Each structure stands twice: as structure tokens, then as C-alpha cells.
Amino acid sequence: MLTRINAQDPDEALREKNQAFLDSLNNIQIAFNANKYNDAALLSKNLIDDSKPLLKAEWERVKAGEKSYRRTKWLAGGLSMFGAILALIFLIANYKLTGSFTVEKLTS
């Protein structure tokens, strides 16, 4: 079985969960290679238990998004708010000049 578990994950809490999962997987492989199939079956249950917190932590990380995505999302929200406030300021200034919220063509 090929897994893409990062034993050197920069997140300390996730690294411990990854290591517990990899240790359980290694124990199953050792038992299986020693022809101890009953032990391997019992250890498989431990693997399932060790995989639950790992999957939960990975899911939380995926839901949060990558750092660049989160920064971009906040920047887009900030720029949108800035644009809305600026448009409101221009509408108020136009109302004070013309007495109307409609934009009329200026003639010279």
C-alpha cells in the first residue's frame, strides 16, 4: 500500500498524528510479513483508530484553505469593501452637488 503521509509535516500536532498512523501501518506490515495474520487483523483495527484523528486534522486543514488562498480571500474582501465605501462617498458627493442620486451628463 502506498500512502502520501508526510512524516516531516511542519505542523507539530499533525506530525504526531502522521507518525502514529505510519507506526501502526508499519506494525501491520511486520506482522503480515511474519505470517501473523491474526495479529495483523487486530493491528488493522488500531490503524483505523489512528487514522480517524489524522483524517479529521487533514480535513480541517483543507477546509481552512492554503495560506495564500486565505490571504487572497481577505484581500479581495477588503478591496470590495473599499470599493463599496468609495462608491457611497461619490454618490453622497453627487447628491450634495446635484440634489439627485442619478448621474447626469455634464455640459460645459
PDB file of N, CA and C in Angstrom:
ATOM      1  N   MET A   1       0.844  -1.168   0.000  1.00  0.00           N
ATOM      2  CA  MET A   1       0.000   0.000   0.000  1.00  0.00           C
ATOM      3  C   MET A   1       0.898   1.242   0.000  1.00  0.00           C
ATOM      4  N   LEU A   2       0.591   2.159  -0.875  1.00  0.00           N
ATOM      5  CA  LEU A   2       1.354   3.394  -0.981  1.00  0.00           C
ATOM      6  C   LEU A   2       0.546   4.519  -0.337  1.00  0.00           C
ATOM      7  N   THR A   3       1.151   5.206   0.612  1.00  0.00           N
ATOM      8  CA  THR A   3       0.473   6.341   1.247  1.00  0.00           C
ATOM      9  C   THR A   3       1.298   7.592   1.016  1.00  0.00           C
ATOM     10  N   ARG A   4       0.625   8.711   1.045  1.00  0.00           N
ATOM     11  CA  ARG A   4       1.283  10.006   0.866  1.00  0.00           C
ATOM     12  C   ARG A   4       1.268  10.771   2.183  1.00  0.00           C
ATOM     13  N   ILE A   5       1.639  10.097   3.253  1.00  0.00           N
ATOM     14  CA  ILE A   5       1.663  10.704   4.577  1.00  0.00           C
ATOM     15  C   ILE A   5       3.035  11.343   4.786  1.00  0.00           C
ATOM     16  N   ASN A   6       3.027  12.596   5.209  1.00  0.00           N
ATOM     17  CA  ASN A   6       4.267  13.326   5.410  1.00  0.00           C
ATOM     18  C   ASN A   6       4.705  13.197   6.862  1.00  0.00           C
ATOM     19  N   ALA A   7       5.700  12.384   7.126  1.00  0.00           N
ATOM     20  CA  ALA A   7       6.199  12.207   8.488  1.00  0.00           C
ATOM     21  C   ALA A   7       6.938  13.446   8.971  1.00  0.00           C
ATOM     22  N   GLN A   8       7.313  14.343   8.082  1.00  0.00           N
ATOM     23  CA  GLN A   8       8.042  15.571   8.435  1.00  0.00           C
ATOM     24  C   GLN A   8       7.164  16.809   8.274  1.00  0.00           C
ATOM     25  N   ASP A   9       5.865  16.663   8.502  1.00  0.00           N
ATOM     26  CA  ASP A   9       4.934  17.777   8.354  1.00  0.00           C
ATOM     27  C   ASP A   9       5.352  18.940   9.258  1.00  0.00           C
ATOM     28  N   PRO A  10       5.311  20.178   8.769  1.00  0.00           N
ATOM     29  CA  PRO A  10       5.720  21.320   9.595  1.00  0.00           C
ATOM     30  C   PRO A  10       4.782  21.575  10.781  1.00  0.00           C
ATOM     31  N   ASP A  11       3.547  21.113  10.690  1.00  0.00           N
ATOM     32  CA  ASP A  11       2.587  21.276  11.779  1.00  0.00           C
ATOM     33  C   ASP A  11       2.863  20.197  12.835  1.00  0.00           C
ATOM     34  N   GLU A  12       3.273  20.613  14.033  1.00  0.00           N
ATOM     35  CA  GLU A  12       3.707  19.681  15.081  1.00  0.00           C
ATOM     36  C   GLU A  12       2.606  18.697  15.472  1.00  0.00           C
ATOM     37  N   ALA A  13       1.387  19.180  15.681  1.00  0.00           N
ATOM     38  CA  ALA A  13       0.292  18.298  16.095  1.00  0.00           C
ATOM     39  C   ALA A  13      -0.019  17.275  14.996  1.00  0.00           C
ATOM     40  N   LEU A  14      -0.017  17.722  13.764  1.00  0.00           N
ATOM     41  CA  LEU A  14      -0.301  16.816  12.658  1.00  0.00           C
ATOM     42  C   LEU A  14       0.842  15.830  12.445  1.00  0.00           C
ATOM     43  N   ARG A  15       2.049  16.255  12.698  1.00  0.00           N
ATOM     44  CA  ARG A  15       3.203  15.361  12.555  1.00  0.00           C
ATOM     45  C   ARG A  15       3.075  14.173  13.493  1.00  0.00           C
ATOM     46  N   GLU A  16       2.610  14.411  14.732  1.00  0.00           N
ATOM     47  CA  GLU A  16       2.426  13.322  15.694  1.00  0.00           C
ATOM     48  C   GLU A  16       1.352  12.354  15.218  1.00  0.00           C
ATOM     49  N   LYS A  17       0.271  12.874  14.671  1.00  0.00           N
ATOM     50  CA  LYS A  17      -0.802  12.013  14.151  1.00  0.00           C
ATOM     51  C   LYS A  17      -0.309  11.211  12.951  1.00  0.00           C
ATOM     52  N   ASN A  18       0.459  11.863  12.091  1.00  0.00           N
ATOM     53  CA  ASN A  18       1.038  11.165  10.937  1.00  0.00           C
ATOM     54  C   ASN A  18       1.954  10.038  11.398  1.00  0.00           C
ATOM     55  N   GLN A  19       2.774  10.323  12.394  1.00  0.00           N
ATOM     56  CA  GLN A  19       3.714   9.320  12.876  1.00  0.00           C
ATOM     57  C   GLN A  19       2.988   8.141  13.516  1.00  0.00           C
ATOM     58  N   ALA A  20       1.930   8.400  14.275  1.00  0.00           N
ATOM     59  CA  ALA A  20       1.141   7.317  14.879  1.00  0.00           C
ATOM     60  C   ALA A  20       0.529   6.436  13.790  1.00  0.00           C
ATOM     61  N   PHE A  21       0.023   7.066  12.736  1.00  0.00           N
ATOM     62  CA  PHE A  21      -0.554   6.314  11.625  1.00  0.00           C
ATOM     63  C   PHE A  21       0.515   5.467  10.935  1.00  0.00           C
ATOM     64  N   LEU A  22       1.670   6.074  10.664  1.00  0.00           N
ATOM     65  CA  LEU A  22       2.740   5.337   9.988  1.00  0.00           C
ATOM     66  C   LEU A  22       3.281   4.204  10.857  1.00  0.00           C
ATOM     67  N   ASP A  23       3.356   4.411  12.172  1.00  0.00           N
ATOM     68  CA  ASP A  23       3.796   3.345  13.077  1.00  0.00           C
ATOM     69  C   ASP A  23       2.816   2.176  13.060  1.00  0.00           C
ATOM     70  N   SER A  24       1.520   2.482  13.081  1.00  0.00           N
ATOM     71  CA  SER A  24       0.513   1.424  13.017  1.00  0.00           C
ATOM     72  C   SER A  24       0.608   0.658  11.704  1.00  0.00           C
ATOM     73  N   LEU A  25       0.801   1.385  10.624  1.00  0.00           N
ATOM     74  CA  LEU A  25       0.926   0.745   9.314  1.00  0.00           C
ATOM     75  C   LEU A  25       2.167  -0.141   9.266  1.00  0.00           C
ATOM     76  N   ASN A  26       3.261   0.324   9.838  1.00  0.00           N
ATOM     77  CA  ASN A  26       4.491  -0.459   9.873  1.00  0.00           C
ATOM     78  C   ASN A  26       4.308  -1.727  10.720  1.00  0.00           C
ATOM     79  N   ASN A  27       3.612  -1.615  11.854  1.00  0.00           N
ATOM     80  CA  ASN A  27       3.363  -2.787  12.706  1.00  0.00           C
ATOM     81  C   ASN A  27       2.538  -3.844  11.977  1.00  0.00           C
ATOM     82  N   ILE A  28       1.577  -3.396  11.193  1.00  0.00           N
ATOM     83  CA  ILE A  28       0.768  -4.340  10.402  1.00  0.00           C
ATOM     84  C   ILE A  28       1.648  -5.051   9.380  1.00  0.00           C
ATOM     85  N   GLN A  29       2.505  -4.294   8.712  1.00  0.00           N
ATOM     86  CA  GLN A  29       3.382  -4.886   7.709  1.00  0.00           C
ATOM     87  C   GLN A  29       4.333  -5.908   8.340  1.00  0.00           C
ATOM     88  N   ILE A  30       4.872  -5.598   9.510  1.00  0.00           N
ATOM     89  CA  ILE A  30       5.770  -6.528  10.196  1.00  0.00           C
ATOM     90  C   ILE A  30       5.025  -7.805  10.571  1.00  0.00           C
ATOM     91  N   ALA A  31       3.820  -7.668  11.116  1.00  0.00           N
ATOM     92  CA  ALA A  31       3.033  -8.842  11.500  1.00  0.00           C
ATOM     93  C   ALA A  31       2.663  -9.664  10.265  1.00  0.00           C
ATOM     94  N   PHE A  32       2.306  -8.998   9.190  1.00  0.00           N
ATOM     95  CA  PHE A  32       1.924  -9.708   7.967  1.00  0.00           C
ATOM     96  C   PHE A  32       3.121 -10.455   7.378  1.00  0.00           C
ATOM     97  N   ASN A  33       4.282  -9.802   7.357  1.00  0.00           N
ATOM     98  CA  ASN A  33       5.484 -10.451   6.821  1.00  0.00           C
ATOM     99  C   ASN A  33       5.940 -11.625   7.678  1.00  0.00           C
ATOM    100  N   ALA A  34       5.589 -11.605   8.975  1.00  0.00           N
ATOM    101  CA  ALA A  34       5.945 -12.710   9.876  1.00  0.00           C
ATOM    102  C   ALA A  34       4.863 -13.795   9.872  1.00  0.00           C
ATOM    103  N   ASN A  35       3.911 -13.690   8.952  1.00  0.00           N
ATOM    104  CA  ASN A  35       2.797 -14.643   8.811  1.00  0.00           C
ATOM    105  C   ASN A  35       1.919 -14.686  10.059  1.00  0.00           C
ATOM    106  N   LYS A  36       1.844 -13.602  10.770  1.00  0.00           N
ATOM    107  CA  LYS A  36       0.962 -13.493  11.940  1.00  0.00           C
ATOM    108  C   LYS A  36      -0.289 -12.725  11.497  1.00  0.00           C
ATOM    109  N   TYR A  37      -1.146 -13.434  10.778  1.00  0.00           N
ATOM    110  CA  TYR A  37      -2.287 -12.785  10.145  1.00  0.00           C
ATOM    111  C   TYR A  37      -3.331 -12.327  11.161  1.00  0.00           C
ATOM    112  N   ASN A  38      -3.495 -13.083  12.240  1.00  0.00           N
ATOM    113  CA  ASN A  38      -4.453 -12.664  13.270  1.00  0.00           C
ATOM    114  C   ASN A  38      -3.982 -11.362  13.934  1.00  0.00           C
ATOM    115  N   ASP A  39      -2.669 -11.285  14.200  1.00  0.00           N
ATOM    116  CA  ASP A  39      -2.125 -10.050  14.773  1.00  0.00           C
ATOM    117  C   ASP A  39      -2.287  -8.884  13.804  1.00  0.00           C
ATOM    118  N   ALA A  40      -2.059  -9.152  12.524  1.00  0.00           N
ATOM    119  CA  ALA A  40      -2.212  -8.102  11.512  1.00  0.00           C
ATOM    120  C   ALA A  40      -3.660  -7.618  11.455  1.00  0.00           C
ATOM    121  N   ALA A  41      -4.610  -8.529  11.601  1.00  0.00           N
ATOM    122  CA  ALA A  41      -6.025  -8.142  11.591  1.00  0.00           C
ATOM    123  C   ALA A  41      -6.354  -7.280  12.809  1.00  0.00           C
ATOM    124  N   LEU A  42      -5.811  -7.651  13.975  1.00  0.00           N
ATOM    125  CA  LEU A  42      -6.053  -6.846  15.178  1.00  0.00           C
ATOM    126  C   LEU A  42      -5.395  -5.472  15.060  1.00  0.00           C
ATOM    127  N   LEU A  43      -4.189  -5.457  14.511  1.00  0.00           N
ATOM    128  CA  LEU A  43      -3.489  -4.178  14.337  1.00  0.00           C
ATOM    129  C   LEU A  43      -4.187  -3.281  13.318  1.00  0.00           C
ATOM    130  N   SER A  44      -4.917  -3.901  12.387  1.00  0.00           N
ATOM    131  CA  SER A  44      -5.676  -3.118  11.404  1.00  0.00           C
ATOM    132  C   SER A  44      -6.735  -2.271  12.095  1.00  0.00           C
ATOM    133  N   LYS A  45      -7.300  -2.815  13.171  1.00  0.00           N
ATOM    134  CA  LYS A  45      -8.281  -2.029  13.932  1.00  0.00           C
ATOM    135  C   LYS A  45      -7.607  -0.829  14.583  1.00  0.00           C
ATOM    136  N   ASN A  46      -6.370  -1.014  15.062  1.00  0.00           N
ATOM    137  CA  ASN A  46      -5.617   0.121  15.612  1.00  0.00           C
ATOM    138  C   ASN A  46      -5.330   1.158  14.536  1.00  0.00           C
ATOM    139  N   LEU A  47      -5.063   0.681  13.327  1.00  0.00           N
ATOM    140  CA  LEU A  47      -4.800   1.596  12.215  1.00  0.00           C
ATOM    141  C   LEU A  47      -6.024   2.460  11.934  1.00  0.00           C
ATOM    142  N   ILE A  48      -7.178   1.854  11.982  1.00  0.00           N
ATOM    143  CA  ILE A  48      -8.421   2.605  11.757  1.00  0.00           C
ATOM    144  C   ILE A  48      -8.582   3.668  12.839  1.00  0.00           C
ATOM    145  N   ASP A  49      -8.310   3.290  14.083  1.00  0.00           N
ATOM    146  CA  ASP A  49      -8.416   4.263  15.179  1.00  0.00           C
ATOM    147  C   ASP A  49      -7.398   5.387  15.032  1.00  0.00           C
ATOM    148  N   ASP A  50      -6.189   5.053  14.577  1.00  0.00           N
ATOM    149  CA  ASP A  50      -5.153   6.072  14.390  1.00  0.00           C
ATOM    150  C   ASP A  50      -5.421   6.955  13.175  1.00  0.00           C
ATOM    151  N   SER A  51      -6.183   6.442  12.221  1.00  0.00           N
ATOM    152  CA  SER A  51      -6.439   7.222  11.013  1.00  0.00           C
ATOM    153  C   SER A  51      -7.530   8.272  11.225  1.00  0.00           C
ATOM    154  N   LYS A  52      -8.429   8.059  12.170  1.00  0.00           N
ATOM    155  CA  LYS A  52      -9.538   9.000  12.376  1.00  0.00           C
ATOM    156  C   LYS A  52      -9.063  10.402  12.736  1.00  0.00           C
ATOM    157  N   PRO A  53      -8.185  10.561  13.760  1.00  0.00           N
ATOM    158  CA  PRO A  53      -7.737  11.941  14.049  1.00  0.00           C
ATOM    159  C   PRO A  53      -6.899  12.540  12.926  1.00  0.00           C
ATOM    160  N   LEU A  54      -6.168  11.687  12.207  1.00  0.00           N
ATOM    161  CA  LEU A  54      -5.371  12.168  11.083  1.00  0.00           C
ATOM    162  C   LEU A  54      -6.281  12.715   9.983  1.00  0.00           C
ATOM    163  N   LEU A  55      -7.307  11.971   9.638  1.00  0.00           N
ATOM    164  CA  LEU A  55      -8.232  12.422   8.599  1.00  0.00           C
ATOM    165  C   LEU A  55      -8.979  13.680   9.033  1.00  0.00           C
ATOM    166  N   LYS A  56      -9.361  13.754  10.306  1.00  0.00           N
ATOM    167  CA  LYS A  56     -10.050  14.942  10.807  1.00  0.00           C
ATOM    168  C   LYS A  56      -9.145  16.173  10.710  1.00  0.00           C
ATOM    169  N   ALA A  57      -7.884  16.025  11.133  1.00  0.00           N
ATOM    170  CA  ALA A  57      -6.952  17.150  11.079  1.00  0.00           C
ATOM    171  C   ALA A  57      -6.692  17.589   9.640  1.00  0.00           C
ATOM    172  N   GLU A  58      -6.552  16.627   8.736  1.00  0.00           N
ATOM    173  CA  GLU A  58      -6.340  16.972   7.327  1.00  0.00           C
ATOM    174  C   GLU A  58      -7.572  17.653   6.743  1.00  0.00           C
ATOM    175  N   TRP A  59      -8.756  17.199   7.128  1.00  0.00           N
ATOM    176  CA  TRP A  59      -9.982  17.806   6.622  1.00  0.00           C
ATOM    177  C   TRP A  59     -10.094  19.251   7.114  1.00  0.00           C
ATOM    178  N   GLU A  60      -9.746  19.482   8.373  1.00  0.00           N
ATOM    179  CA  GLU A  60      -9.782  20.851   8.907  1.00  0.00           C
ATOM    180  C   GLU A  60      -8.804  21.745   8.149  1.00  0.00           C
ATOM    181  N   ARG A  61      -7.654  21.210   7.803  1.00  0.00           N
ATOM    182  CA  ARG A  61      -6.669  21.989   7.055  1.00  0.00           C
ATOM    183  C   ARG A  61      -7.189  22.299   5.651  1.00  0.00           C
ATOM    184  N   VAL A  62      -7.835  21.333   5.028  1.00  0.00           N
ATOM    185  CA  VAL A  62      -8.384  21.548   3.677  1.00  0.00           C
ATOM    186  C   VAL A  62      -9.510  22.570   3.725  1.00  0.00           C
ATOM    187  N   LYS A  63     -10.372  22.476   4.737  1.00  0.00           N
ATOM    188  CA  LYS A  63     -11.480  23.431   4.843  1.00  0.00           C
ATOM    189  C   LYS A  63     -10.970  24.856   5.030  1.00  0.00           C
ATOM    190  N   ALA A  64      -9.907  25.006   5.799  1.00  0.00           N
ATOM    191  CA  ALA A  64      -9.360  26.350   6.037  1.00  0.00           C
ATOM    192  C   ALA A  64      -8.730  26.922   4.772  1.00  0.00           C
ATOM    193  N   GLY A  65      -8.158  26.083   3.945  1.00  0.00           N
ATOM    194  CA  GLY A  65      -7.509  26.538   2.717  1.00  0.00           C
ATOM    195  C   GLY A  65      -6.038  26.839   2.952  1.00  0.00           C
ATOM    196  N   GLU A  66      -5.318  26.962   1.871  1.00  0.00           N
ATOM    197  CA  GLU A  66      -3.901  27.290   1.960  1.00  0.00           C
ATOM    198  C   GLU A  66      -3.729  28.739   2.393  1.00  0.00           C
ATOM    199  N   LYS A  67      -2.556  29.060   2.914  1.00  0.00           N
ATOM    200  CA  LYS A  67      -2.305  30.416   3.405  1.00  0.00           C
ATOM    201  C   LYS A  67      -2.477  31.454   2.306  1.00  0.00           C
ATOM    202  N   SER A  68      -1.986  31.157   1.110  1.00  0.00           N
ATOM    203  CA  SER A  68      -2.107  32.130   0.015  1.00  0.00           C
ATOM    204  C   SER A  68      -3.580  32.340  -0.356  1.00  0.00           C
ATOM    205  N   TYR A  69      -4.375  31.278  -0.299  1.00  0.00           N
ATOM    206  CA  TYR A  69      -5.808  31.403  -0.587  1.00  0.00           C
ATOM    207  C   TYR A  69      -6.483  32.263   0.469  1.00  0.00           C
ATOM    208  N   ARG A  70      -6.166  32.025   1.748  1.00  0.00           N
ATOM    209  CA  ARG A  70      -6.784  32.810   2.821  1.00  0.00           C
ATOM    210  C   ARG A  70      -6.400  34.280   2.708  1.00  0.00           C
ATOM    211  N   ARG A  71      -5.116  34.560   2.390  1.00  0.00           N
ATOM    212  CA  ARG A  71      -4.684  35.954   2.228  1.00  0.00           C
ATOM    213  C   ARG A  71      -5.420  36.611   1.058  1.00  0.00           C
ATOM    214  N   THR A  72      -5.518  35.904  -0.046  1.00  0.00           N
ATOM    215  CA  THR A  72      -6.192  36.447  -1.227  1.00  0.00           C
ATOM    216  C   THR A  72      -7.660  36.703  -0.942  1.00  0.00           C
ATOM    217  N   LYS A  73      -8.289  35.801  -0.199  1.00  0.00           N
ATOM    218  CA  LYS A  73      -9.700  35.963   0.145  1.00  0.00           C
ATOM    219  C   LYS A  73      -9.899  37.220   0.990  1.00  0.00           C
ATOM    220  N   TRP A  74      -9.039  37.437   1.982  1.00  0.00           N
ATOM    221  CA  TRP A  74      -9.147  38.635   2.815  1.00  0.00           C
ATOM    222  C   TRP A  74      -8.856  39.899   2.019  1.00  0.00           C
ATOM    223  N   LEU A  75      -7.878  39.839   1.131  1.00  0.00           N
ATOM    224  CA  LEU A  75      -7.552  40.999   0.306  1.00  0.00           C
ATOM    225  C   LEU A  75      -8.730  41.347  -0.603  1.00  0.00           C
ATOM    226  N   ALA A  76      -9.335  40.345  -1.222  1.00  0.00           N
ATOM    227  CA  ALA A  76     -10.482  40.594  -2.101  1.00  0.00           C
ATOM    228  C   ALA A  76     -11.647  41.190  -1.314  1.00  0.00           C
ATOM    229  N   GLY A  77     -11.876  40.684  -0.125  1.00  0.00           N
ATOM    230  CA  GLY A  77     -12.949  41.234   0.712  1.00  0.00           C
ATOM    231  C   GLY A  77     -12.675  42.677   1.092  1.00  0.00           C
ATOM    232  N   GLY A  78     -11.417  42.958   1.455  1.00  0.00           N
ATOM    233  CA  GLY A  78     -11.040  44.329   1.816  1.00  0.00           C
ATOM    234  C   GLY A  78     -11.185  45.286   0.652  1.00  0.00           C
ATOM    235  N   LEU A  79     -10.730  44.855  -0.528  1.00  0.00           N
ATOM    236  CA  LEU A  79     -10.860  45.716  -1.712  1.00  0.00           C
ATOM    237  C   LEU A  79     -12.320  45.937  -2.083  1.00  0.00           C
ATOM    238  N   SER A  80     -13.141  44.920  -1.922  1.00  0.00           N
ATOM    239  CA  SER A  80     -14.576  45.067  -2.210  1.00  0.00           C
ATOM    240  C   SER A  80     -15.217  46.077  -1.267  1.00  0.00           C
ATOM    241  N   MET A  81     -14.876  45.989   0.028  1.00  0.00           N
ATOM    242  CA  MET A  81     -15.416  46.946   0.994  1.00  0.00           C
ATOM    243  C   MET A  81     -14.938  48.359   0.675  1.00  0.00           C
ATOM    244  N   PHE A  82     -13.652  48.495   0.323  1.00  0.00           N
ATOM    245  CA  PHE A  82     -13.103  49.800  -0.036  1.00  0.00           C
ATOM    246  C   PHE A  82     -13.842  50.368  -1.241  1.00  0.00           C
ATOM    247  N   GLY A  83     -14.079  49.535  -2.243  1.00  0.00           N
ATOM    248  CA  GLY A  83     -14.799  49.985  -3.434  1.00  0.00           C
ATOM    249  C   GLY A  83     -16.229  50.391  -3.120  1.00  0.00           C
ATOM    250  N   ALA A  84     -16.901  49.634  -2.253  1.00  0.00           N
ATOM    251  CA  ALA A  84     -18.281  49.979  -1.890  1.00  0.00           C
ATOM    252  C   ALA A  84     -18.329  51.294  -1.125  1.00  0.00           C
ATOM    253  N   ILE A  85     -17.387  51.490  -0.206  1.00  0.00           N
ATOM    254  CA  ILE A  85     -17.345  52.745   0.559  1.00  0.00           C
ATOM    255  C   ILE A  85     -17.031  53.918  -0.360  1.00  0.00           C
ATOM    256  N   LEU A  86     -16.100  53.728  -1.282  1.00  0.00           N
ATOM    257  CA  LEU A  86     -15.752  54.789  -2.224  1.00  0.00           C
ATOM    258  C   LEU A  86     -16.946  55.133  -3.122  1.00  0.00           C
ATOM    259  N   ALA A  87     -17.669  54.142  -3.583  1.00  0.00           N
ATOM    260  CA  ALA A  87     -18.855  54.403  -4.414  1.00  0.00           C
ATOM    261  C   ALA A  87     -19.906  55.161  -3.616  1.00  0.00           C
ATOM    262  N   LEU A  88     -20.072  54.807  -2.350  1.00  0.00           N
ATOM    263  CA  LEU A  88     -21.036  55.511  -1.498  1.00  0.00           C
ATOM    264  C   LEU A  88     -20.618  56.971  -1.301  1.00  0.00           C
ATOM    265  N   ILE A  89     -19.339  57.201  -1.104  1.00  0.00           N
ATOM    266  CA  ILE A  89     -18.841  58.579  -0.945  1.00  0.00           C
ATOM    267  C   ILE A  89     -19.124  59.398  -2.210  1.00  0.00           C
ATOM    268  N   PHE A  90     -18.873  58.810  -3.376  1.00  0.00           N
ATOM    269  CA  PHE A  90     -19.144  59.524  -4.629  1.00  0.00           C
ATOM    270  C   PHE A  90     -20.634  59.780  -4.831  1.00  0.00           C
ATOM    271  N   LEU A  91     -21.476  58.838  -4.433  1.00  0.00           N
ATOM    272  CA  LEU A  91     -22.922  59.050  -4.554  1.00  0.00           C
ATOM    273  C   LEU A  91     -23.381  60.180  -3.642  1.00  0.00           C
ATOM    274  N   ILE A  92     -22.858  60.217  -2.415  1.00  0.00           N
ATOM    275  CA  ILE A  92     -23.230  61.292  -1.484  1.00  0.00           C
ATOM    276  C   ILE A  92     -22.735  62.647  -1.998  1.00  0.00           C
ATOM    277  N   ALA A  93     -21.501  62.672  -2.505  1.00  0.00           N
ATOM    278  CA  ALA A  93     -20.961  63.925  -3.053  1.00  0.00           C
ATOM    279  C   ALA A  93     -21.798  64.382  -4.253  1.00  0.00           C
ATOM    280  N   ASN A  94     -22.203  63.455  -5.109  1.00  0.00           N
ATOM    281  CA  ASN A  94     -23.033  63.786  -6.262  1.00  0.00           C
ATOM    282  C   ASN A  94     -24.393  64.306  -5.807  1.00  0.00           C
ATOM    283  N   TYR A  95     -24.951  63.728  -4.763  1.00  0.00           N
ATOM    284  CA  TYR A  95     -26.248  64.178  -4.254  1.00  0.00           C
ATOM    285  C   TYR A  95     -26.157  65.601  -3.714  1.00  0.00           C
ATOM    286  N   LYS A  96     -25.057  65.894  -3.034  1.00  0.00           N
ATOM    287  CA  LYS A  96     -24.889  67.248  -2.488  1.00  0.00           C
ATOM    288  C   LYS A  96     -24.728  68.280  -3.607  1.00  0.00           C
ATOM    289  N   LEU A  97     -24.094  67.888  -4.714  1.00  0.00           N
ATOM    290  CA  LEU A  97     -23.895  68.816  -5.831  1.00  0.00           C
ATOM    291  C   LEU A  97     -25.149  68.987  -6.670  1.00  0.00           C
ATOM    292  N   THR A  98     -25.845  67.884  -6.942  1.00  0.00           N
ATOM    293  CA  THR A  98     -26.962  67.952  -7.884  1.00  0.00           C
ATOM    294  C   THR A  98     -28.326  67.810  -7.230  1.00  0.00           C
ATOM    295  N   GLY A  99     -28.382  67.319  -5.997  1.00  0.00           N
ATOM    296  CA  GLY A  99     -29.666  67.108  -5.339  1.00  0.00           C
ATOM    297  C   GLY A  99     -30.341  65.830  -5.795  1.00  0.00           C
ATOM    298  N   SER A 100     -29.604  64.985  -6.500  1.00  0.00           N
ATOM    299  CA  SER A 100     -30.175  63.742  -7.018  1.00  0.00           C
ATOM    300  C   SER A 100     -29.096  62.658  -6.985  1.00  0.00           C
ATOM    301  N   PHE A 101     -29.545  61.411  -6.848  1.00  0.00           N
ATOM    302  CA  PHE A 101     -28.592  60.305  -6.870  1.00  0.00           C
ATOM    303  C   PHE A 101     -28.289  59.837  -8.289  1.00  0.00           C
ATOM    304  N   THR A 102     -28.969  60.376  -9.277  1.00  0.00           N
ATOM    305  CA  THR A 102     -28.727  59.989 -10.660  1.00  0.00           C
ATOM    306  C   THR A 102     -27.510  60.748 -11.196  1.00  0.00           C
ATOM    307  N   VAL A 103     -26.801  60.084 -12.056  1.00  0.00           N
ATOM    308  CA  VAL A 103     -25.633  60.709 -12.653  1.00  0.00           C
ATOM    309  C   VAL A 103     -26.069  61.323 -13.973  1.00  0.00           C
ATOM    310  N   GLU A 104     -25.929  62.611 -14.062  1.00  0.00           N
ATOM    311  CA  GLU A 104     -26.335  63.313 -15.286  1.00  0.00           C
ATOM    312  C   GLU A 104     -25.106  63.738 -16.053  1.00  0.00           C
ATOM    313  N   LYS A 105     -25.272  63.836 -17.354  1.00  0.00           N
ATOM    314  CA  LYS A 105     -24.166  64.266 -18.200  1.00  0.00           C
ATOM    315  C   LYS A 105     -23.918  65.748 -18.001  1.00  0.00           C
ATOM    316  N   LEU A 106     -22.671  66.056 -17.719  1.00  0.00           N
ATOM    317  CA  LEU A 106     -22.324  67.458 -17.510  1.00  0.00           C
ATOM    318  C   LEU A 106     -22.109  68.141 -18.855  1.00  0.00           C
ATOM    319  N   THR A 107     -22.652  69.324 -18.995  1.00  0.00           N
ATOM    320  CA  THR A 107     -22.430  70.085 -20.237  1.00  0.00           C
ATOM    321  C   THR A 107     -21.671  71.349 -19.879  1.00  0.00           C
ATOM    322  N   SER A 108     -20.776  71.729 -20.746  1.00  0.00           N
ATOM    323  CA  SER A 108     -19.991  72.930 -20.444  1.00  0.00           C
ATOM    324  C   SER A 108     -20.454  74.104 -21.231  1.00  0.00           C
TER     325      SER A 108
END
